[in-house]
């Protein structure tokens, strides 16, 4: 009677473990799939952001080349004393270049020792496209870090699937063995593995879509 009661208790406990471990396995599989999807979407955003950053960087380079070329023409005209050309080129400076040029002229570079060699050496020379490229690169770096986190989360849930499957194995084996001691041992091991995995998985972020 005692052996029968003990066996019934083991089978009930094993059935409970089989049920909850099966649900936990399904949940972990779903979460692993979700985080793999999040990783893929974030990777797409990284690529898009990198492309936008490269486009802004190219624009900044082109604008800087225009500023340099126009400034060199101005310097040549100024050196030759061609006032009309000097005014012509100065009127065609880009708006972003004008503050740096005016600040450079204010230093009286022909008279002041140690004056900045060109306007491009001054902090007043700032390109919006260059700043935007830096901002986009920073965003891309942050997104790349998010990709790595999502990969790690997916991997954690895959490991959770494995651990819950191990718990299922021990629970199933506990109902097949004839030795009461072995049945209880297998069941206890199964519960320990399940509880440890469940506590660990419970600390992982959750991704849900309806």
C-alpha atoms as a PDB file:
ATOM      1  CA  UNK A   1       0.000   0.000   0.000  1.00  0.00           C
ATOM      2  CA  UNK A   2       2.823   2.345   0.890  1.00  0.00           C
ATOM      3  CA  UNK A   3       4.741   1.522  -2.311  1.00  0.00           C
ATOM      4  CA  UNK A   4       1.593   2.063  -4.373  1.00  0.00           C
ATOM      5  CA  UNK A   5       0.950   5.379  -2.680  1.00  0.00           C
ATOM      6  CA  UNK A   6       4.545   6.447  -3.206  1.00  0.00           C
ATOM      7  CA  UNK A   7       4.412   5.472  -6.862  1.00  0.00           C
ATOM      8  CA  UNK A   8       1.187   7.424  -7.321  1.00  0.00           C
ATOM      9  CA  UNK A   9       2.781  10.476  -5.736  1.00  0.00           C
ATOM     10  CA  UNK A  10       5.799  10.235  -8.037  1.00  0.00           C
ATOM     11  CA  UNK A  11       3.599   9.860 -11.106  1.00  0.00           C
ATOM     12  CA  UNK A  12       1.479  12.869 -10.147  1.00  0.00           C
ATOM     13  CA  UNK A  13       4.542  14.992  -9.492  1.00  0.00           C
ATOM     14  CA  UNK A  14       6.100  13.776 -12.741  1.00  0.00           C
ATOM     15  CA  UNK A  15       2.927  14.614 -14.668  1.00  0.00           C
ATOM     16  CA  UNK A  16       2.909  18.128 -13.220  1.00  0.00           C
ATOM     17  CA  UNK A  17       6.565  18.585 -14.145  1.00  0.00           C
ATOM     18  CA  UNK A  18       5.971  17.254 -17.647  1.00  0.00           C
ATOM     19  CA  UNK A  19       3.114  19.698 -18.145  1.00  0.00           C
ATOM     20  CA  UNK A  20       4.827  22.838 -16.874  1.00  0.00           C
ATOM     21  CA  UNK A  21       8.149  21.952 -18.496  1.00  0.00           C
ATOM     22  CA  UNK A  22       6.377  21.453 -21.824  1.00  0.00           C
ATOM     23  CA  UNK A  23       4.757  24.882 -21.514  1.00  0.00           C
ATOM     24  CA  UNK A  24       8.091  26.441 -20.505  1.00  0.00           C
ATOM     25  CA  UNK A  25       9.789  24.797 -23.496  1.00  0.00           C
ATOM     26  CA  UNK A  26       7.178  26.173 -25.876  1.00  0.00           C
ATOM     27  CA  UNK A  27       7.467  29.638 -24.318  1.00  0.00           C
ATOM     28  CA  UNK A  28      11.264  29.631 -24.570  1.00  0.00           C
ATOM     29  CA  UNK A  29      11.096  28.487 -28.198  1.00  0.00           C
ATOM     30  CA  UNK A  30       8.680  31.312 -28.980  1.00  0.00           C
ATOM     31  CA  UNK A  31      10.894  33.862 -27.270  1.00  0.00           C
ATOM     32  CA  UNK A  32      14.004  32.602 -29.065  1.00  0.00           C
ATOM     33  CA  UNK A  33      12.185  33.052 -32.377  1.00  0.00           C
ATOM     34  CA  UNK A  34      10.957  36.505 -31.387  1.00  0.00           C
ATOM     35  CA  UNK A  35      14.419  37.720 -30.384  1.00  0.00           C
ATOM     36  CA  UNK A  36      15.926  36.328 -33.575  1.00  0.00           C
ATOM     37  CA  UNK A  37      13.339  38.398 -35.425  1.00  0.00           C
ATOM     38  CA  UNK A  38      14.180  41.476 -33.364  1.00  0.00           C
ATOM     39  CA  UNK A  39      17.855  40.927 -34.140  1.00  0.00           C
ATOM     40  CA  UNK A  40      17.119  40.747 -37.861  1.00  0.00           C
ATOM     41  CA  UNK A  41      15.024  43.921 -37.803  1.00  0.00           C
ATOM     42  CA  UNK A  42      17.641  45.823 -35.818  1.00  0.00           C
ATOM     43  CA  UNK A  43      20.366  44.635 -38.192  1.00  0.00           C
ATOM     44  CA  UNK A  44      18.344  46.126 -41.035  1.00  0.00           C
ATOM     45  CA  UNK A  45      18.160  49.428 -39.183  1.00  0.00           C
ATOM     46  CA  UNK A  46      21.927  49.336 -38.625  1.00  0.00           C
ATOM     47  CA  UNK A  47      22.564  48.909 -42.345  1.00  0.00           C
ATOM     48  CA  UNK A  48      20.129  51.690 -43.221  1.00  0.00           C
ATOM     49  CA  UNK A  49      21.703  54.048 -40.689  1.00  0.00           C
ATOM     50  CA  UNK A  50      25.225  53.257 -41.922  1.00  0.00           C
ATOM     51  CA  UNK A  51      24.161  54.055 -45.489  1.00  0.00           C
ATOM     52  CA  UNK A  52      22.626  57.353 -44.392  1.00  0.00           C
ATOM     53  CA  UNK A  53      25.787  58.216 -42.428  1.00  0.00           C
ATOM     54  CA  UNK A  54      27.948  57.477 -45.473  1.00  0.00           C
ATOM     55  CA  UNK A  55      25.697  59.664 -47.614  1.00  0.00           C
ATOM     56  CA  UNK A  56      25.999  62.565 -45.173  1.00  0.00           C
ATOM     57  CA  UNK A  57      29.768  62.082 -44.946  1.00  0.00           C
ATOM     58  CA  UNK A  58      30.037  62.200 -48.742  1.00  0.00           C
ATOM     59  CA  UNK A  59      27.964  65.378 -48.775  1.00  0.00           C
ATOM     60  CA  UNK A  60      30.221  66.938 -46.125  1.00  0.00           C
ATOM     61  CA  UNK A  61      33.316  66.047 -48.146  1.00  0.00           C
ATOM     62  CA  UNK A  62      31.820  67.561 -51.294  1.00  0.00           C
ATOM     63  CA  UNK A  63      30.874  70.746 -49.448  1.00  0.00           C
ATOM     64  CA  UNK A  64      34.344  71.028 -47.949  1.00  0.00           C
ATOM     65  CA  UNK A  65      35.912  70.649 -51.374  1.00  0.00           C
ATOM     66  CA  UNK A  66      33.685  73.460 -52.675  1.00  0.00           C
ATOM     67  CA  UNK A  67      34.677  75.668 -49.739  1.00  0.00           C
ATOM     68  CA  UNK A  68      38.381  74.954 -50.261  1.00  0.00           C
ATOM     69  CA  UNK A  69      38.211  75.567 -54.009  1.00  0.00           C
ATOM     70  CA  UNK A  70      36.285  78.832 -53.614  1.00  0.00           C
ATOM     71  CA  UNK A  71      38.624  80.024 -50.873  1.00  0.00           C
ATOM     72  CA  UNK A  72      41.706  79.286 -52.996  1.00  0.00           C
ATOM     73  CA  UNK A  73      40.217  81.280 -55.862  1.00  0.00           C
ATOM     74  CA  UNK A  74      39.549  84.126 -53.457  1.00  0.00           C
ATOM     75  CA  UNK A  75      43.148  83.997 -52.179  1.00  0.00           C
ATOM     76  CA  UNK A  76      44.515  84.088 -55.739  1.00  0.00           C
ATOM     77  CA  UNK A  77      42.301  87.040 -56.650  1.00  0.00           C
ATOM     78  CA  UNK A  78      43.248  88.841 -53.420  1.00  0.00           C
ATOM     79  CA  UNK A  79      46.950  88.255 -54.048  1.00  0.00           C
ATOM     80  CA  UNK A  80      46.638  89.703 -57.544  1.00  0.00           C
ATOM     81  CA  UNK A  81      44.679  92.702 -56.246  1.00  0.00           C
ATOM     82  CA  UNK A  82      41.651  91.900 -58.419  1.00  0.00           C
ATOM     83  CA  UNK A  83      39.004  93.520 -56.245  1.00  0.00           C
ATOM     84  CA  UNK A  84      36.109  92.611 -58.502  1.00  0.00           C
ATOM     85  CA  UNK A  85      37.023  88.924 -58.432  1.00  0.00           C
ATOM     86  CA  UNK A  86      37.650  89.112 -54.683  1.00  0.00           C
ATOM     87  CA  UNK A  87      34.116  90.387 -54.132  1.00  0.00           C
ATOM     88  CA  UNK A  88      32.769  87.905 -56.679  1.00  0.00           C
ATOM     89  CA  UNK A  89      34.166  84.864 -54.872  1.00  0.00           C
ATOM     90  CA  UNK A  90      33.394  86.196 -51.420  1.00  0.00           C
ATOM     91  CA  UNK A  91      29.757  86.687 -52.353  1.00  0.00           C
ATOM     92  CA  UNK A  92      29.626  83.050 -53.410  1.00  0.00           C
ATOM     93  CA  UNK A  93      30.984  81.533 -50.214  1.00  0.00           C
ATOM     94  CA  UNK A  94      28.605  78.992 -48.752  1.00  0.00           C
ATOM     95  CA  UNK A  95      26.686  80.118 -45.678  1.00  0.00           C
ATOM     96  CA  UNK A  96      28.434  77.511 -43.507  1.00  0.00           C
ATOM     97  CA  UNK A  97      31.841  78.806 -44.583  1.00  0.00           C
ATOM     98  CA  UNK A  98      31.197  82.518 -44.051  1.00  0.00           C
ATOM     99  CA  UNK A  99      31.419  82.542 -40.191  1.00  0.00           C
ATOM    100  CA  UNK A 100      34.806  80.806 -40.296  1.00  0.00           C
ATOM    101  CA  UNK A 101      36.058  83.103 -43.070  1.00  0.00           C
ATOM    102  CA  UNK A 102      34.956  86.241 -41.221  1.00  0.00           C
ATOM    103  CA  UNK A 103      36.587  84.995 -38.014  1.00  0.00           C
ATOM    104  CA  UNK A 104      39.792  84.259 -39.925  1.00  0.00           C
ATOM    105  CA  UNK A 105      39.849  87.713 -41.512  1.00  0.00           C
ATOM    106  CA  UNK A 106      39.306  89.243 -38.052  1.00  0.00           C
ATOM    107  CA  UNK A 107      42.573  87.632 -36.886  1.00  0.00           C
ATOM    108  CA  UNK A 108      44.440  89.711 -39.543  1.00  0.00           C
ATOM    109  CA  UNK A 109      46.462  86.711 -40.724  1.00  0.00           C
ATOM    110  CA  UNK A 110      48.879  88.808 -42.802  1.00  0.00           C
ATOM    111  CA  UNK A 111      49.819  90.902 -39.793  1.00  0.00           C
ATOM    112  CA  UNK A 112      49.364  88.627 -36.788  1.00  0.00           C
ATOM    113  CA  UNK A 113      52.002  86.066 -35.970  1.00  0.00           C
ATOM    114  CA  UNK A 114      50.527  82.732 -35.056  1.00  0.00           C
ATOM    115  CA  UNK A 115      47.199  83.459 -36.736  1.00  0.00           C
ATOM    116  CA  UNK A 116      45.314  80.435 -38.085  1.00  0.00           C
ATOM    117  CA  UNK A 117      46.658  79.502 -41.533  1.00  0.00           C
ATOM    118  CA  UNK A 118      43.189  79.108 -43.058  1.00  0.00           C
ATOM    119  CA  UNK A 119      39.527  79.456 -41.986  1.00  0.00           C
ATOM    120  CA  UNK A 120      39.286  75.671 -41.934  1.00  0.00           C
ATOM    121  CA  UNK A 121      41.476  75.561 -38.829  1.00  0.00           C
ATOM    122  CA  UNK A 122      38.947  77.574 -36.833  1.00  0.00           C
ATOM    123  CA  UNK A 123      36.157  76.052 -34.703  1.00  0.00           C
ATOM    124  CA  UNK A 124      33.707  78.323 -36.516  1.00  0.00           C
ATOM    125  CA  UNK A 125      34.027  76.075 -39.547  1.00  0.00           C
ATOM    126  CA  UNK A 126      31.293  73.527 -38.978  1.00  0.00           C
ATOM    127  CA  UNK A 127      29.410  71.405 -41.488  1.00  0.00           C
ATOM    128  CA  UNK A 128      25.895  70.289 -40.653  1.00  0.00           C
ATOM    129  CA  UNK A 129      26.303  67.246 -42.887  1.00  0.00           C
ATOM    130  CA  UNK A 130      29.450  66.230 -41.006  1.00  0.00           C
ATOM    131  CA  UNK A 131      27.686  66.553 -37.656  1.00  0.00           C
ATOM    132  CA  UNK A 132      24.742  64.562 -39.005  1.00  0.00           C
ATOM    133  CA  UNK A 133      27.089  61.827 -40.232  1.00  0.00           C
ATOM    134  CA  UNK A 134      28.660  61.623 -36.755  1.00  0.00           C
ATOM    135  CA  UNK A 135      25.215  61.445 -35.149  1.00  0.00           C
ATOM    136  CA  UNK A 136      24.123  58.666 -37.495  1.00  0.00           C
ATOM    137  CA  UNK A 137      27.330  56.724 -36.881  1.00  0.00           C
ATOM    138  CA  UNK A 138      26.716  56.976 -33.146  1.00  0.00           C
ATOM    139  CA  UNK A 139      23.150  55.734 -33.620  1.00  0.00           C
ATOM    140  CA  UNK A 140      24.415  52.863 -35.756  1.00  0.00           C
ATOM    141  CA  UNK A 141      26.878  51.891 -33.016  1.00  0.00           C
ATOM    142  CA  UNK A 142      24.052  51.878 -30.474  1.00  0.00           C
ATOM    143  CA  UNK A 143      21.913  49.749 -32.786  1.00  0.00           C
ATOM    144  CA  UNK A 144      24.817  47.347 -33.322  1.00  0.00           C
ATOM    145  CA  UNK A 145      25.068  46.921 -29.557  1.00  0.00           C
ATOM    146  CA  UNK A 146      21.330  46.215 -29.508  1.00  0.00           C
ATOM    147  CA  UNK A 147      21.819  43.541 -32.177  1.00  0.00           C
ATOM    148  CA  UNK A 148      24.387  41.796 -29.965  1.00  0.00           C
ATOM    149  CA  UNK A 149      22.023  41.985 -26.991  1.00  0.00           C
ATOM    150  CA  UNK A 150      19.180  40.500 -29.034  1.00  0.00           C
ATOM    151  CA  UNK A 151      21.422  37.672 -30.236  1.00  0.00           C
ATOM    152  CA  UNK A 152      22.399  36.944 -26.642  1.00  0.00           C
ATOM    153  CA  UNK A 153      18.758  36.961 -25.548  1.00  0.00           C
ATOM    154  CA  UNK A 154      17.817  34.532 -28.298  1.00  0.00           C
ATOM    155  CA  UNK A 155      20.721  32.293 -27.298  1.00  0.00           C
ATOM    156  CA  UNK A 156      19.611  32.397 -23.655  1.00  0.00           C
ATOM    157  CA  UNK A 157      16.132  31.231 -24.589  1.00  0.00           C
ATOM    158  CA  UNK A 158      17.562  28.457 -26.776  1.00  0.00           C
ATOM    159  CA  UNK A 159      19.560  27.282 -23.765  1.00  0.00           C
ATOM    160  CA  UNK A 160      16.332  27.498 -21.766  1.00  0.00           C
ATOM    161  CA  UNK A 161      14.691  25.145 -24.282  1.00  0.00           C
ATOM    162  CA  UNK A 162      17.547  22.690 -23.781  1.00  0.00           C
ATOM    163  CA  UNK A 163      17.307  22.840 -19.983  1.00  0.00           C
ATOM    164  CA  UNK A 164      13.551  22.398 -19.982  1.00  0.00           C
ATOM    165  CA  UNK A 165      13.945  19.456 -22.357  1.00  0.00           C
ATOM    166  CA  UNK A 166      16.386  17.908 -19.878  1.00  0.00           C
ATOM    167  CA  UNK A 167      13.812  18.415 -17.108  1.00  0.00           C
ATOM    168  CA  UNK A 168      11.239  16.693 -19.326  1.00  0.00           C
ATOM    169  CA  UNK A 169      13.634  13.785 -19.800  1.00  0.00           C
ATOM    170  CA  UNK A 170      14.119  13.291 -16.067  1.00  0.00           C
ATOM    171  CA  UNK A 171      10.387  13.596 -15.418  1.00  0.00           C
ATOM    172  CA  UNK A 172       9.621  11.015 -18.076  1.00  0.00           C
ATOM    173  CA  UNK A 173      12.293   8.642 -16.841  1.00  0.00           C
ATOM    174  CA  UNK A 174      10.976   8.854 -13.283  1.00  0.00           C
ATOM    175  CA  UNK A 175       7.758   7.158 -14.413  1.00  0.00           C
ATOM    176  CA  UNK A 176       9.581   4.327 -16.198  1.00  0.00           C
ATOM    177  CA  UNK A 177      11.923   3.127 -13.473  1.00  0.00           C
ATOM    178  CA  UNK A 178      10.919   0.396 -11.021  1.00  0.00           C
ATOM    179  CA  UNK A 179      13.160   1.403  -8.133  1.00  0.00           C
ATOM    180  CA  UNK A 180      11.387   3.879  -5.795  1.00  0.00           C
ATOM    181  CA  UNK A 181      14.690   5.512  -4.891  1.00  0.00           C
ATOM    182  CA  UNK A 182      15.663   6.012  -8.531  1.00  0.00           C
ATOM    183  CA  UNK A 183      12.196   7.317  -9.394  1.00  0.00           C
ATOM    184  CA  UNK A 184      12.342   9.942  -6.667  1.00  0.00           C
ATOM    185  CA  UNK A 185      15.938  10.828  -7.484  1.00  0.00           C
ATOM    186  CA  UNK A 186      15.151  11.349 -11.148  1.00  0.00           C
ATOM    187  CA  UNK A 187      12.104  13.424 -10.270  1.00  0.00           C
ATOM    188  CA  UNK A 188      14.007  15.599  -7.813  1.00  0.00           C
ATOM    189  CA  UNK A 189      16.786  16.192 -10.341  1.00  0.00           C
ATOM    190  CA  UNK A 190      14.174  17.104 -12.954  1.00  0.00           C
ATOM    191  CA  UNK A 191      12.526  19.611 -10.627  1.00  0.00           C
ATOM    192  CA  UNK A 192      15.864  21.146  -9.637  1.00  0.00           C
ATOM    193  CA  UNK A 193      16.844  21.629 -13.284  1.00  0.00           C
ATOM    194  CA  UNK A 194      13.419  23.024 -14.145  1.00  0.00           C
ATOM    195  CA  UNK A 195      13.333  25.474 -11.224  1.00  0.00           C
ATOM    196  CA  UNK A 196      16.871  26.694 -11.891  1.00  0.00           C
ATOM    197  CA  UNK A 197      16.081  27.217 -15.574  1.00  0.00           C
ATOM    198  CA  UNK A 198      12.734  28.860 -14.807  1.00  0.00           C
ATOM    199  CA  UNK A 199      14.270  31.340 -12.353  1.00  0.00           C
ATOM    200  CA  UNK A 200      16.998  32.193 -14.867  1.00  0.00           C
ATOM    201  CA  UNK A 201      14.602  32.569 -17.802  1.00  0.00           C
ATOM    202  CA  UNK A 202      12.272  34.716 -15.678  1.00  0.00           C
ATOM    203  CA  UNK A 203      15.002  37.371 -15.529  1.00  0.00           C
ATOM    204  CA  UNK A 204      15.280  37.543 -19.324  1.00  0.00           C
ATOM    205  CA  UNK A 205      13.493  40.277 -21.328  1.00  0.00           C
ATOM    206  CA  UNK A 206      10.268  39.321 -23.052  1.00  0.00           C
ATOM    207  CA  UNK A 207       9.244  40.078 -26.624  1.00  0.00           C
ATOM    208  CA  UNK A 208       5.559  39.688 -27.470  1.00  0.00           C
ATOM    209  CA  UNK A 209       3.658  40.532 -30.637  1.00  0.00           C
ATOM    210  CA  UNK A 210      -0.073  40.285 -31.179  1.00  0.00           C
END
